[in-house]
Amino acid sequence: MIKGVKEGLVFLLDDQCEFAVLMDELQYKLEKTHQQLLTGPLVHVHVKLGTRQLVDEDKDRIRSVIRAQGNLIVQSVESEVQPADKIEAPTGPRVLTGMIRSGQMVEHDGDLLLTGDVNPGGTILCTGDIYVLGALRGVAHAGVGGRTDVIIAASLMRPTQLRIAEVISRPPEEWMSGDAAMEFAYLHDGSMQIDKITQLFRLRSNPIM
């Protein structure tokens, strides 16, 4: 398609067909359809390739075909700028390695996976889930900000306090199992419950542990 604009002419070239077909069609239009444009003063031409990306050699072929037909001067041969690929935000939990000692506090917006222990006096605060691949003997607060669909999981569940959203756990001696190994805490009907990690699939289709 050839359009007249204030600055001269704009050639809008099909970006879907084969390049050889495009060149044949361009030659035909210049020779047969637009003879009236090829006489008179010089006319500036801007070529738009759409999304088609061409090497310099092919761009020069387009320029040569247009220049050979008369008084047309090619000012530019341009393709549309392709948007950069969207960079996806990292998915999954933040992973920390080490020990949270007494007096230390870790805060995170999102899910957190700690490979290490939380000692008595240590605290984890998280807006999402908390996973401890180690002994949880300190304080863990998941759902900071109000989320109630989060969990707190640990390889060894011996916390001084668990909290999900605004619900604080019962005294540990009331809900701890004998070995406290591989358990998770969650909310059910507004109260905190503890279950074996093997039952996590009942709440999550794709748990990380």
N, C-alpha and C. Protein backbone atom coordinates (compact mmCIF):
# COMPACT_ATOMS: atom_id res chain seq x y z
N MET A 1 0.85 -1.19 0.00
CA MET A 1 0.00 0.00 0.00
C MET A 1 0.89 1.24 0.00
N ILE A 2 0.50 2.21 -0.82
CA ILE A 2 1.25 3.46 -0.90
C ILE A 2 0.32 4.60 -0.48
N LYS A 3 0.76 5.38 0.50
CA LYS A 3 -0.05 6.47 1.03
C LYS A 3 0.69 7.78 0.84
N GLY A 4 -0.08 8.80 0.47
CA GLY A 4 0.49 10.13 0.38
C GLY A 4 0.40 10.83 1.72
N VAL A 5 1.48 11.44 2.14
CA VAL A 5 1.51 12.21 3.38
C VAL A 5 2.14 13.56 3.09
N LYS A 6 2.14 14.40 4.12
CA LYS A 6 2.66 15.75 3.94
C LYS A 6 4.12 15.74 3.50
N GLU A 7 4.89 14.78 4.03
CA GLU A 7 6.33 14.73 3.74
C GLU A 7 6.64 14.02 2.42
N GLY A 8 5.64 13.37 1.80
CA GLY A 8 5.90 12.64 0.55
C GLY A 8 5.03 11.40 0.47
N LEU A 9 5.66 10.23 0.41
CA LEU A 9 4.94 8.97 0.31
C LEU A 9 5.40 8.01 1.40
N VAL A 10 4.45 7.19 1.84
CA VAL A 10 4.78 6.10 2.76
C VAL A 10 4.40 4.80 2.09
N PHE A 11 5.37 3.90 1.96
CA PHE A 11 5.13 2.58 1.42
C PHE A 11 4.93 1.61 2.60
N LEU A 12 3.74 1.04 2.70
CA LEU A 12 3.43 0.07 3.76
C LEU A 12 3.52 -1.32 3.15
N LEU A 13 4.56 -2.05 3.49
CA LEU A 13 4.82 -3.34 2.87
C LEU A 13 4.30 -4.48 3.75
N ASP A 14 3.70 -5.45 3.08
CA ASP A 14 3.16 -6.63 3.77
C ASP A 14 4.28 -7.35 4.53
N ASP A 15 4.06 -7.60 5.81
CA ASP A 15 5.11 -8.27 6.60
C ASP A 15 4.84 -9.76 6.78
N GLN A 16 3.84 -10.32 6.07
CA GLN A 16 3.50 -11.73 6.24
C GLN A 16 3.92 -12.59 5.05
N CYS A 17 3.98 -12.01 3.86
CA CYS A 17 4.29 -12.81 2.67
C CYS A 17 5.79 -13.06 2.55
N GLU A 18 6.15 -13.94 1.63
CA GLU A 18 7.57 -14.20 1.36
C GLU A 18 8.22 -12.94 0.80
N PHE A 19 9.50 -12.77 1.09
CA PHE A 19 10.20 -11.56 0.65
C PHE A 19 10.24 -11.47 -0.88
N ALA A 20 10.40 -12.60 -1.56
CA ALA A 20 10.43 -12.58 -3.03
C ALA A 20 9.10 -12.11 -3.59
N VAL A 21 8.00 -12.57 -3.00
CA VAL A 21 6.67 -12.14 -3.43
C VAL A 21 6.51 -10.65 -3.18
N LEU A 22 6.99 -10.19 -2.04
CA LEU A 22 6.90 -8.77 -1.72
C LEU A 22 7.63 -7.93 -2.76
N MET A 23 8.81 -8.35 -3.17
CA MET A 23 9.58 -7.59 -4.13
C MET A 23 8.89 -7.55 -5.50
N ASP A 24 8.28 -8.68 -5.89
CA ASP A 24 7.56 -8.71 -7.16
C ASP A 24 6.37 -7.76 -7.14
N GLU A 25 5.64 -7.77 -6.03
CA GLU A 25 4.47 -6.89 -5.92
C GLU A 25 4.88 -5.43 -5.90
N LEU A 26 5.97 -5.13 -5.22
CA LEU A 26 6.47 -3.75 -5.18
C LEU A 26 6.85 -3.28 -6.59
N GLN A 27 7.54 -4.14 -7.32
CA GLN A 27 7.93 -3.80 -8.69
C GLN A 27 6.70 -3.55 -9.56
N TYR A 28 5.68 -4.40 -9.43
CA TYR A 28 4.47 -4.27 -10.23
C TYR A 28 3.76 -2.95 -9.95
N LYS A 29 3.61 -2.63 -8.66
CA LYS A 29 2.90 -1.40 -8.34
C LYS A 29 3.63 -0.18 -8.86
N LEU A 30 4.94 -0.19 -8.75
CA LEU A 30 5.70 0.97 -9.23
C LEU A 30 5.62 1.11 -10.74
N GLU A 31 5.60 0.00 -11.47
CA GLU A 31 5.62 0.06 -12.93
C GLU A 31 4.23 0.27 -13.52
N LYS A 32 3.20 -0.32 -12.92
CA LYS A 32 1.89 -0.35 -13.55
C LYS A 32 0.85 0.55 -12.87
N THR A 33 0.91 0.64 -11.56
CA THR A 33 -0.20 1.26 -10.84
C THR A 33 0.03 2.72 -10.52
N HIS A 34 1.27 3.12 -10.33
CA HIS A 34 1.51 4.47 -9.84
C HIS A 34 2.44 5.26 -10.77
N GLN A 35 2.22 5.12 -12.08
CA GLN A 35 3.03 5.87 -13.02
C GLN A 35 2.89 7.37 -12.82
N GLN A 36 1.72 7.79 -12.34
CA GLN A 36 1.50 9.23 -12.17
C GLN A 36 2.39 9.82 -11.10
N LEU A 37 2.95 8.96 -10.23
CA LEU A 37 3.79 9.47 -9.16
C LEU A 37 5.24 9.64 -9.61
N LEU A 38 5.55 9.13 -10.77
CA LEU A 38 6.95 9.05 -11.16
C LEU A 38 7.39 10.20 -12.06
N THR A 39 6.56 11.20 -12.19
CA THR A 39 6.95 12.37 -12.97
C THR A 39 6.85 13.59 -12.08
N GLY A 40 7.51 14.64 -12.47
CA GLY A 40 7.45 15.86 -11.69
C GLY A 40 8.60 15.94 -10.71
N PRO A 41 8.45 16.77 -9.65
CA PRO A 41 9.54 17.00 -8.69
C PRO A 41 9.85 15.73 -7.91
N LEU A 42 10.99 15.78 -7.24
CA LEU A 42 11.41 14.66 -6.41
C LEU A 42 10.41 14.43 -5.28
N VAL A 43 10.17 13.16 -4.98
CA VAL A 43 9.24 12.78 -3.91
C VAL A 43 9.99 11.92 -2.90
N HIS A 44 9.89 12.29 -1.64
CA HIS A 44 10.54 11.53 -0.57
C HIS A 44 9.67 10.34 -0.16
N VAL A 45 10.32 9.21 0.04
CA VAL A 45 9.61 7.98 0.35
C VAL A 45 10.12 7.40 1.68
N HIS A 46 9.18 7.02 2.53
CA HIS A 46 9.50 6.30 3.76
C HIS A 46 8.88 4.90 3.66
N VAL A 47 9.69 3.89 3.80
CA VAL A 47 9.24 2.50 3.67
C VAL A 47 9.04 1.90 5.06
N LYS A 48 7.83 1.37 5.28
CA LYS A 48 7.50 0.73 6.55
C LYS A 48 7.38 -0.77 6.32
N LEU A 49 8.19 -1.53 7.04
CA LEU A 49 8.24 -2.99 6.85
C LEU A 49 7.32 -3.75 7.80
N GLY A 50 6.60 -3.05 8.67
CA GLY A 50 5.80 -3.75 9.67
C GLY A 50 6.71 -4.47 10.64
N THR A 51 6.37 -5.71 10.96
CA THR A 51 7.19 -6.48 11.89
C THR A 51 8.31 -7.26 11.20
N ARG A 52 8.38 -7.15 9.87
CA ARG A 52 9.42 -7.87 9.13
C ARG A 52 10.80 -7.28 9.47
N GLN A 53 11.73 -8.16 9.78
CA GLN A 53 13.11 -7.75 10.06
C GLN A 53 13.99 -8.15 8.89
N LEU A 54 14.69 -7.18 8.30
CA LEU A 54 15.53 -7.44 7.13
C LEU A 54 16.97 -7.06 7.40
N VAL A 55 17.87 -7.78 6.74
CA VAL A 55 19.28 -7.41 6.79
C VAL A 55 19.49 -6.23 5.86
N ASP A 56 20.63 -5.57 6.00
CA ASP A 56 20.91 -4.37 5.21
C ASP A 56 20.88 -4.65 3.71
N GLU A 57 21.31 -5.83 3.32
CA GLU A 57 21.33 -6.17 1.89
C GLU A 57 19.92 -6.16 1.30
N ASP A 58 18.96 -6.72 2.02
CA ASP A 58 17.58 -6.74 1.52
C ASP A 58 16.97 -5.34 1.54
N LYS A 59 17.33 -4.54 2.51
CA LYS A 59 16.85 -3.16 2.53
C LYS A 59 17.38 -2.40 1.32
N ASP A 60 18.64 -2.66 0.97
CA ASP A 60 19.22 -2.00 -0.20
C ASP A 60 18.49 -2.43 -1.48
N ARG A 61 18.05 -3.68 -1.56
CA ARG A 61 17.29 -4.14 -2.73
C ARG A 61 15.99 -3.36 -2.87
N ILE A 62 15.32 -3.11 -1.74
CA ILE A 62 14.08 -2.33 -1.77
C ILE A 62 14.38 -0.92 -2.23
N ARG A 63 15.44 -0.32 -1.71
CA ARG A 63 15.80 1.04 -2.12
C ARG A 63 16.08 1.10 -3.63
N SER A 64 16.79 0.11 -4.13
CA SER A 64 17.16 0.11 -5.56
C SER A 64 15.93 0.02 -6.45
N VAL A 65 14.97 -0.84 -6.07
CA VAL A 65 13.75 -0.99 -6.87
C VAL A 65 12.97 0.31 -6.92
N ILE A 66 12.89 0.98 -5.78
CA ILE A 66 12.11 2.22 -5.73
C ILE A 66 12.84 3.34 -6.49
N ARG A 67 14.14 3.47 -6.28
CA ARG A 67 14.89 4.55 -6.92
C ARG A 67 14.92 4.39 -8.44
N ALA A 68 14.89 3.16 -8.92
CA ALA A 68 15.02 2.92 -10.36
C ALA A 68 13.79 3.33 -11.15
N GLN A 69 12.69 3.62 -10.49
CA GLN A 69 11.44 3.86 -11.22
C GLN A 69 11.20 5.31 -11.58
N GLY A 70 11.98 6.24 -11.07
CA GLY A 70 11.73 7.63 -11.44
C GLY A 70 12.27 8.59 -10.41
N ASN A 71 11.41 9.48 -9.95
CA ASN A 71 11.86 10.58 -9.11
C ASN A 71 11.64 10.30 -7.61
N LEU A 72 11.65 9.05 -7.21
CA LEU A 72 11.43 8.70 -5.81
C LEU A 72 12.76 8.58 -5.07
N ILE A 73 12.84 9.25 -3.93
CA ILE A 73 14.05 9.21 -3.11
C ILE A 73 13.70 8.55 -1.77
N VAL A 74 14.35 7.44 -1.50
CA VAL A 74 14.05 6.69 -0.26
C VAL A 74 14.76 7.36 0.91
N GLN A 75 13.96 7.82 1.85
CA GLN A 75 14.50 8.45 3.05
C GLN A 75 14.77 7.45 4.17
N SER A 76 13.92 6.43 4.26
CA SER A 76 14.09 5.47 5.36
C SER A 76 13.43 4.15 4.99
N VAL A 77 13.98 3.07 5.56
CA VAL A 77 13.38 1.74 5.48
C VAL A 77 13.39 1.20 6.91
N GLU A 78 12.21 1.11 7.50
CA GLU A 78 12.15 0.84 8.93
C GLU A 78 11.20 -0.31 9.26
N SER A 79 11.58 -1.08 10.26
CA SER A 79 10.71 -2.10 10.84
C SER A 79 10.19 -1.59 12.18
N GLU A 80 9.07 -2.15 12.60
CA GLU A 80 8.54 -1.78 13.91
C GLU A 80 9.48 -2.30 14.99
N VAL A 81 9.62 -1.52 16.03
CA VAL A 81 10.44 -1.95 17.16
C VAL A 81 9.70 -3.04 17.91
N GLN A 82 10.36 -4.18 18.05
CA GLN A 82 9.73 -5.30 18.75
C GLN A 82 9.85 -5.08 20.25
N PRO A 83 8.74 -5.25 20.98
CA PRO A 83 8.82 -5.08 22.43
C PRO A 83 9.75 -6.13 23.03
N ALA A 84 10.50 -5.70 24.01
CA ALA A 84 11.38 -6.64 24.70
C ALA A 84 10.55 -7.68 25.42
N ASP A 85 11.11 -8.87 25.47
CA ASP A 85 10.41 -9.93 26.19
C ASP A 85 10.19 -9.52 27.63
N LYS A 86 8.99 -9.76 28.09
CA LYS A 86 8.67 -9.42 29.46
C LYS A 86 9.47 -10.30 30.40
N ILE A 87 10.11 -9.66 31.36
CA ILE A 87 10.88 -10.40 32.35
C ILE A 87 9.95 -10.81 33.47
N GLU A 88 9.80 -12.12 33.60
CA GLU A 88 8.91 -12.61 34.63
C GLU A 88 9.55 -12.46 36.00
N ALA A 89 8.70 -12.07 36.93
CA ALA A 89 9.18 -12.00 38.29
C ALA A 89 9.51 -13.39 38.80
N PRO A 90 10.57 -13.50 39.59
CA PRO A 90 10.90 -14.82 40.12
C PRO A 90 9.73 -15.41 40.88
N THR A 91 9.51 -16.72 40.66
CA THR A 91 8.44 -17.38 41.37
C THR A 91 9.02 -18.26 42.44
N GLY A 92 8.13 -18.70 43.35
CA GLY A 92 8.59 -19.56 44.42
C GLY A 92 9.03 -18.75 45.62
N PRO A 93 9.38 -19.44 46.69
CA PRO A 93 9.71 -18.75 47.93
C PRO A 93 11.12 -18.18 47.92
N ARG A 94 11.34 -17.22 48.79
CA ARG A 94 12.71 -16.76 49.05
C ARG A 94 13.40 -17.84 49.88
N VAL A 95 14.62 -18.16 49.52
CA VAL A 95 15.35 -19.23 50.20
C VAL A 95 16.47 -18.63 51.03
N LEU A 96 16.49 -18.96 52.30
CA LEU A 96 17.55 -18.55 53.21
C LEU A 96 18.24 -19.79 53.76
N THR A 97 19.53 -19.66 53.97
CA THR A 97 20.30 -20.76 54.55
C THR A 97 21.01 -20.26 55.80
N GLY A 98 20.91 -21.02 56.86
CA GLY A 98 21.59 -20.63 58.08
C GLY A 98 20.71 -20.83 59.29
N MET A 99 21.11 -20.22 60.39
CA MET A 99 20.41 -20.35 61.66
C MET A 99 19.91 -18.98 62.11
N ILE A 100 18.68 -18.95 62.60
CA ILE A 100 18.14 -17.74 63.20
C ILE A 100 18.29 -17.88 64.71
N ARG A 101 19.17 -17.08 65.27
CA ARG A 101 19.51 -17.20 66.68
C ARG A 101 18.60 -16.34 67.54
N SER A 102 18.73 -16.51 68.84
CA SER A 102 17.96 -15.72 69.79
C SER A 102 18.21 -14.23 69.57
N GLY A 103 17.15 -13.46 69.50
CA GLY A 103 17.26 -12.02 69.28
C GLY A 103 17.24 -11.61 67.83
N GLN A 104 17.36 -12.57 66.90
CA GLN A 104 17.33 -12.26 65.49
C GLN A 104 15.89 -12.34 64.96
N MET A 105 15.57 -11.46 64.00
CA MET A 105 14.25 -11.45 63.37
C MET A 105 14.41 -11.36 61.86
N VAL A 106 13.72 -12.23 61.15
CA VAL A 106 13.71 -12.21 59.69
C VAL A 106 12.31 -11.86 59.23
N GLU A 107 12.21 -10.83 58.38
CA GLU A 107 10.92 -10.42 57.81
C GLU A 107 10.99 -10.56 56.30
N HIS A 108 9.87 -11.00 55.70
CA HIS A 108 9.84 -11.17 54.25
C HIS A 108 8.42 -11.00 53.74
N ASP A 109 8.31 -10.34 52.58
CA ASP A 109 7.03 -10.17 51.90
C ASP A 109 6.91 -11.27 50.86
N GLY A 110 6.14 -12.30 51.16
CA GLY A 110 6.02 -13.46 50.29
C GLY A 110 6.25 -14.73 51.07
N ASP A 111 6.56 -15.82 50.35
CA ASP A 111 6.84 -17.10 50.99
C ASP A 111 8.32 -17.18 51.33
N LEU A 112 8.63 -17.94 52.38
CA LEU A 112 10.01 -18.06 52.84
C LEU A 112 10.34 -19.51 53.12
N LEU A 113 11.49 -19.94 52.61
CA LEU A 113 12.00 -21.28 52.88
C LEU A 113 13.34 -21.14 53.57
N LEU A 114 13.42 -21.59 54.80
CA LEU A 114 14.66 -21.53 55.57
C LEU A 114 15.24 -22.93 55.67
N THR A 115 16.47 -23.10 55.20
CA THR A 115 17.18 -24.36 55.40
C THR A 115 18.11 -24.17 56.60
N GLY A 116 17.59 -24.46 57.74
CA GLY A 116 18.32 -24.24 58.99
C GLY A 116 17.34 -24.22 60.14
N ASP A 117 17.84 -23.92 61.32
CA ASP A 117 17.02 -23.92 62.53
C ASP A 117 16.61 -22.51 62.92
N VAL A 118 15.49 -22.44 63.64
CA VAL A 118 15.08 -21.21 64.31
C VAL A 118 15.19 -21.50 65.81
N ASN A 119 16.17 -20.90 66.44
CA ASN A 119 16.41 -21.16 67.86
C ASN A 119 15.39 -20.42 68.73
N PRO A 120 15.21 -20.85 69.95
CA PRO A 120 14.35 -20.10 70.88
C PRO A 120 14.80 -18.64 70.95
N GLY A 121 13.86 -17.72 70.86
CA GLY A 121 14.18 -16.30 70.83
C GLY A 121 14.33 -15.75 69.44
N GLY A 122 14.41 -16.63 68.42
CA GLY A 122 14.46 -16.18 67.04
C GLY A 122 13.05 -16.06 66.47
N THR A 123 12.87 -15.19 65.49
CA THR A 123 11.53 -14.90 64.96
C THR A 123 11.56 -14.81 63.44
N ILE A 124 10.53 -15.39 62.82
CA ILE A 124 10.29 -15.22 61.38
C ILE A 124 8.93 -14.57 61.21
N LEU A 125 8.88 -13.49 60.45
CA LEU A 125 7.64 -12.82 60.09
C LEU A 125 7.51 -12.84 58.58
N CYS A 126 6.37 -13.31 58.08
CA CYS A 126 6.22 -13.51 56.65
C CYS A 126 4.77 -13.23 56.24
N THR A 127 4.59 -12.58 55.08
CA THR A 127 3.22 -12.36 54.60
C THR A 127 2.65 -13.62 53.97
N GLY A 128 3.53 -14.54 53.54
CA GLY A 128 3.10 -15.78 52.92
C GLY A 128 3.36 -16.99 53.79
N ASP A 129 3.71 -18.11 53.14
CA ASP A 129 4.01 -19.34 53.86
C ASP A 129 5.40 -19.29 54.48
N ILE A 130 5.58 -20.11 55.51
CA ILE A 130 6.90 -20.30 56.13
C ILE A 130 7.21 -21.80 56.11
N TYR A 131 8.35 -22.13 55.52
CA TYR A 131 8.83 -23.51 55.50
C TYR A 131 10.20 -23.54 56.16
N VAL A 132 10.35 -24.37 57.16
CA VAL A 132 11.62 -24.49 57.87
C VAL A 132 12.13 -25.92 57.69
N LEU A 133 13.21 -26.05 56.92
CA LEU A 133 13.85 -27.35 56.77
C LEU A 133 14.88 -27.48 57.89
N GLY A 134 14.36 -27.69 59.06
CA GLY A 134 15.17 -27.74 60.26
C GLY A 134 14.23 -27.68 61.46
N ALA A 135 14.78 -27.34 62.60
CA ALA A 135 13.99 -27.27 63.84
C ALA A 135 13.43 -25.87 64.03
N LEU A 136 12.13 -25.78 64.23
CA LEU A 136 11.48 -24.52 64.53
C LEU A 136 11.22 -24.47 66.03
N ARG A 137 12.09 -23.74 66.74
CA ARG A 137 11.97 -23.65 68.19
C ARG A 137 11.67 -22.22 68.65
N GLY A 138 11.62 -21.31 67.72
CA GLY A 138 11.34 -19.92 68.07
C GLY A 138 9.92 -19.54 67.70
N VAL A 139 9.74 -18.30 67.21
CA VAL A 139 8.43 -17.75 66.87
C VAL A 139 8.32 -17.69 65.34
N ALA A 140 7.19 -18.15 64.82
CA ALA A 140 6.91 -18.06 63.39
C ALA A 140 5.54 -17.44 63.20
N HIS A 141 5.50 -16.34 62.44
CA HIS A 141 4.24 -15.64 62.16
C HIS A 141 4.07 -15.57 60.65
N ALA A 142 3.16 -16.37 60.11
CA ALA A 142 2.84 -16.35 58.69
C ALA A 142 1.55 -15.56 58.48
N GLY A 143 1.35 -15.06 57.28
CA GLY A 143 0.14 -14.29 57.01
C GLY A 143 0.14 -12.92 57.65
N VAL A 144 1.34 -12.36 57.84
CA VAL A 144 1.42 -11.00 58.37
C VAL A 144 0.70 -10.07 57.40
N GLY A 145 -0.22 -9.30 57.87
CA GLY A 145 -1.02 -8.45 57.00
C GLY A 145 -2.43 -8.98 56.81
N GLY A 146 -2.69 -10.22 57.27
CA GLY A 146 -4.06 -10.68 57.26
C GLY A 146 -4.38 -11.92 56.47
N ARG A 147 -3.44 -12.44 55.68
CA ARG A 147 -3.74 -13.65 54.90
C ARG A 147 -3.98 -14.83 55.84
N THR A 148 -5.05 -15.57 55.57
CA THR A 148 -5.38 -16.72 56.41
C THR A 148 -5.19 -18.05 55.70
N ASP A 149 -4.79 -18.01 54.40
CA ASP A 149 -4.64 -19.24 53.63
C ASP A 149 -3.20 -19.72 53.61
N VAL A 150 -2.40 -19.26 54.54
CA VAL A 150 -0.99 -19.61 54.57
C VAL A 150 -0.74 -20.74 55.56
N ILE A 151 0.47 -21.28 55.51
CA ILE A 151 0.84 -22.36 56.42
C ILE A 151 2.21 -22.09 57.03
N ILE A 152 2.49 -22.80 58.10
CA ILE A 152 3.82 -22.83 58.70
C ILE A 152 4.21 -24.30 58.79
N ALA A 153 5.30 -24.67 58.11
CA ALA A 153 5.74 -26.06 58.10
C ALA A 153 7.17 -26.14 58.61
N ALA A 154 7.49 -27.26 59.24
CA ALA A 154 8.84 -27.43 59.78
C ALA A 154 9.18 -28.91 59.83
N SER A 155 10.47 -29.19 59.69
CA SER A 155 10.93 -30.56 59.84
C SER A 155 10.77 -31.03 61.28
N LEU A 156 11.03 -30.12 62.23
CA LEU A 156 10.80 -30.40 63.64
C LEU A 156 10.03 -29.24 64.23
N MET A 157 8.79 -29.48 64.62
CA MET A 157 7.89 -28.42 65.07
C MET A 157 7.90 -28.35 66.60
N ARG A 158 8.77 -27.45 67.12
CA ARG A 158 8.83 -27.21 68.57
C ARG A 158 8.86 -25.70 68.84
N PRO A 159 7.90 -24.95 68.34
CA PRO A 159 7.96 -23.49 68.46
C PRO A 159 7.58 -23.01 69.86
N THR A 160 8.06 -21.80 70.18
CA THR A 160 7.55 -21.13 71.38
C THR A 160 6.20 -20.47 71.08
N GLN A 161 6.01 -20.10 69.80
CA GLN A 161 4.69 -19.55 69.40
C GLN A 161 4.54 -19.65 67.89
N LEU A 162 3.35 -20.01 67.46
CA LEU A 162 2.97 -19.94 66.06
C LEU A 162 1.84 -18.94 65.92
N ARG A 163 1.87 -18.22 64.79
CA ARG A 163 0.80 -17.25 64.53
C ARG A 163 0.52 -17.22 63.04
N ILE A 164 -0.75 -17.30 62.70
CA ILE A 164 -1.19 -17.16 61.31
C ILE A 164 -2.22 -16.05 61.28
N ALA A 165 -1.93 -15.01 60.50
CA ALA A 165 -2.76 -13.79 60.50
C ALA A 165 -2.85 -13.29 61.94
N GLU A 166 -4.06 -13.24 62.49
CA GLU A 166 -4.22 -12.77 63.87
C GLU A 166 -4.46 -13.90 64.85
N VAL A 167 -4.39 -15.13 64.38
CA VAL A 167 -4.66 -16.29 65.24
C VAL A 167 -3.35 -16.80 65.82
N ILE A 168 -3.29 -16.86 67.13
CA ILE A 168 -2.10 -17.33 67.83
C ILE A 168 -2.33 -18.75 68.30
N SER A 169 -1.29 -19.56 68.19
CA SER A 169 -1.42 -20.98 68.52
C SER A 169 -1.74 -21.18 69.99
N ARG A 170 -2.34 -22.32 70.23
CA ARG A 170 -2.55 -22.76 71.61
C ARG A 170 -1.22 -23.11 72.24
N PRO A 171 -1.17 -23.27 73.55
CA PRO A 171 0.10 -23.67 74.18
C PRO A 171 0.63 -24.93 73.53
N PRO A 172 1.93 -24.99 73.28
CA PRO A 172 2.50 -26.12 72.53
C PRO A 172 2.12 -27.48 73.08
N GLU A 173 2.03 -27.60 74.41
CA GLU A 173 1.77 -28.92 74.97
C GLU A 173 0.38 -29.44 74.61
N GLU A 174 -0.52 -28.57 74.14
CA GLU A 174 -1.87 -29.01 73.80
C GLU A 174 -1.97 -29.62 72.41
N TRP A 175 -1.06 -29.26 71.50
CA TRP A 175 -1.21 -29.76 70.15
C TRP A 175 0.01 -30.47 69.60
N MET A 176 1.12 -30.46 70.31
CA MET A 176 2.30 -31.12 69.77
C MET A 176 2.12 -32.63 69.80
N SER A 177 2.51 -33.27 68.71
CA SER A 177 2.50 -34.73 68.68
C SER A 177 3.75 -35.23 69.38
N GLY A 178 3.85 -36.52 69.51
CA GLY A 178 4.97 -37.08 70.24
C GLY A 178 6.32 -36.75 69.63
N ASP A 179 6.45 -36.88 68.28
CA ASP A 179 7.76 -36.63 67.69
C ASP A 179 7.87 -35.25 67.05
N ALA A 180 6.72 -34.62 66.69
CA ALA A 180 6.67 -33.27 66.12
C ALA A 180 7.47 -33.16 64.82
N ALA A 181 7.69 -34.30 64.17
CA ALA A 181 8.51 -34.30 62.95
C ALA A 181 7.64 -34.07 61.72
N MET A 182 8.12 -33.19 60.81
CA MET A 182 7.49 -32.93 59.52
C MET A 182 6.00 -32.61 59.67
N GLU A 183 5.74 -31.49 60.30
CA GLU A 183 4.36 -31.06 60.52
C GLU A 183 4.15 -29.67 59.93
N PHE A 184 2.87 -29.30 59.80
CA PHE A 184 2.55 -27.94 59.37
C PHE A 184 1.32 -27.45 60.11
N ALA A 185 1.27 -26.14 60.28
CA ALA A 185 0.14 -25.49 60.95
C ALA A 185 -0.66 -24.73 59.91
N TYR A 186 -1.97 -24.69 60.10
CA TYR A 186 -2.87 -24.00 59.18
C TYR A 186 -4.13 -23.60 59.96
N LEU A 187 -4.93 -22.77 59.35
CA LEU A 187 -6.17 -22.33 59.98
C LEU A 187 -7.35 -23.10 59.40
N HIS A 188 -8.22 -23.52 60.29
CA HIS A 188 -9.47 -24.17 59.88
C HIS A 188 -10.58 -23.64 60.77
N ASP A 189 -11.56 -22.99 60.13
CA ASP A 189 -12.68 -22.38 60.85
C ASP A 189 -12.19 -21.43 61.93
N GLY A 190 -11.13 -20.69 61.62
CA GLY A 190 -10.65 -19.67 62.53
C GLY A 190 -9.77 -20.15 63.66
N SER A 191 -9.47 -21.44 63.71
CA SER A 191 -8.59 -21.95 64.76
C SER A 191 -7.39 -22.64 64.12
N MET A 192 -6.29 -22.68 64.88
CA MET A 192 -5.08 -23.26 64.34
C MET A 192 -5.07 -24.77 64.51
N GLN A 193 -4.67 -25.44 63.43
CA GLN A 193 -4.61 -26.89 63.43
C GLN A 193 -3.19 -27.32 63.04
N ILE A 194 -2.80 -28.51 63.49
CA ILE A 194 -1.51 -29.08 63.15
C ILE A 194 -1.73 -30.43 62.50
N ASP A 195 -0.97 -30.70 61.43
CA ASP A 195 -1.10 -31.99 60.77
C ASP A 195 0.26 -32.39 60.21
N LYS A 196 0.38 -33.67 59.86
CA LYS A 196 1.60 -34.15 59.26
C LYS A 196 1.76 -33.57 57.85
N ILE A 197 3.01 -33.37 57.46
CA ILE A 197 3.28 -32.75 56.18
C ILE A 197 2.76 -33.62 55.03
N THR A 198 2.60 -34.91 55.27
CA THR A 198 2.07 -35.80 54.23
C THR A 198 0.63 -35.48 53.88
N GLN A 199 -0.03 -34.69 54.72
CA GLN A 199 -1.42 -34.30 54.46
C GLN A 199 -1.54 -32.92 53.82
N LEU A 200 -0.40 -32.31 53.52
CA LEU A 200 -0.44 -30.96 52.97
C LEU A 200 -1.15 -30.91 51.62
N PHE A 201 -1.13 -32.03 50.91
CA PHE A 201 -1.78 -32.06 49.59
C PHE A 201 -3.27 -31.76 49.68
N ARG A 202 -3.86 -31.95 50.87
CA ARG A 202 -5.29 -31.65 51.03
C ARG A 202 -5.57 -30.16 50.94
N LEU A 203 -4.54 -29.36 51.23
CA LEU A 203 -4.68 -27.90 51.15
C LEU A 203 -4.02 -27.32 49.90
N ARG A 204 -2.94 -27.94 49.45
CA ARG A 204 -2.17 -27.40 48.34
C ARG A 204 -1.97 -28.44 47.27
N SER A 205 -2.23 -28.05 46.03
CA SER A 205 -2.03 -28.98 44.91
C SER A 205 -0.56 -29.09 44.53
N ASN A 206 0.21 -28.02 44.83
CA ASN A 206 1.64 -28.04 44.47
C ASN A 206 2.50 -27.47 45.59
N PRO A 207 2.49 -28.10 46.76
CA PRO A 207 3.35 -27.59 47.83
C PRO A 207 4.81 -27.73 47.46
N ILE A 208 5.66 -26.91 48.07
CA ILE A 208 7.07 -26.95 47.72
C ILE A 208 7.81 -27.97 48.54
N MET A 209 7.22 -28.50 49.58
CA MET A 209 7.89 -29.48 50.42
C MET A 209 7.27 -30.85 50.21
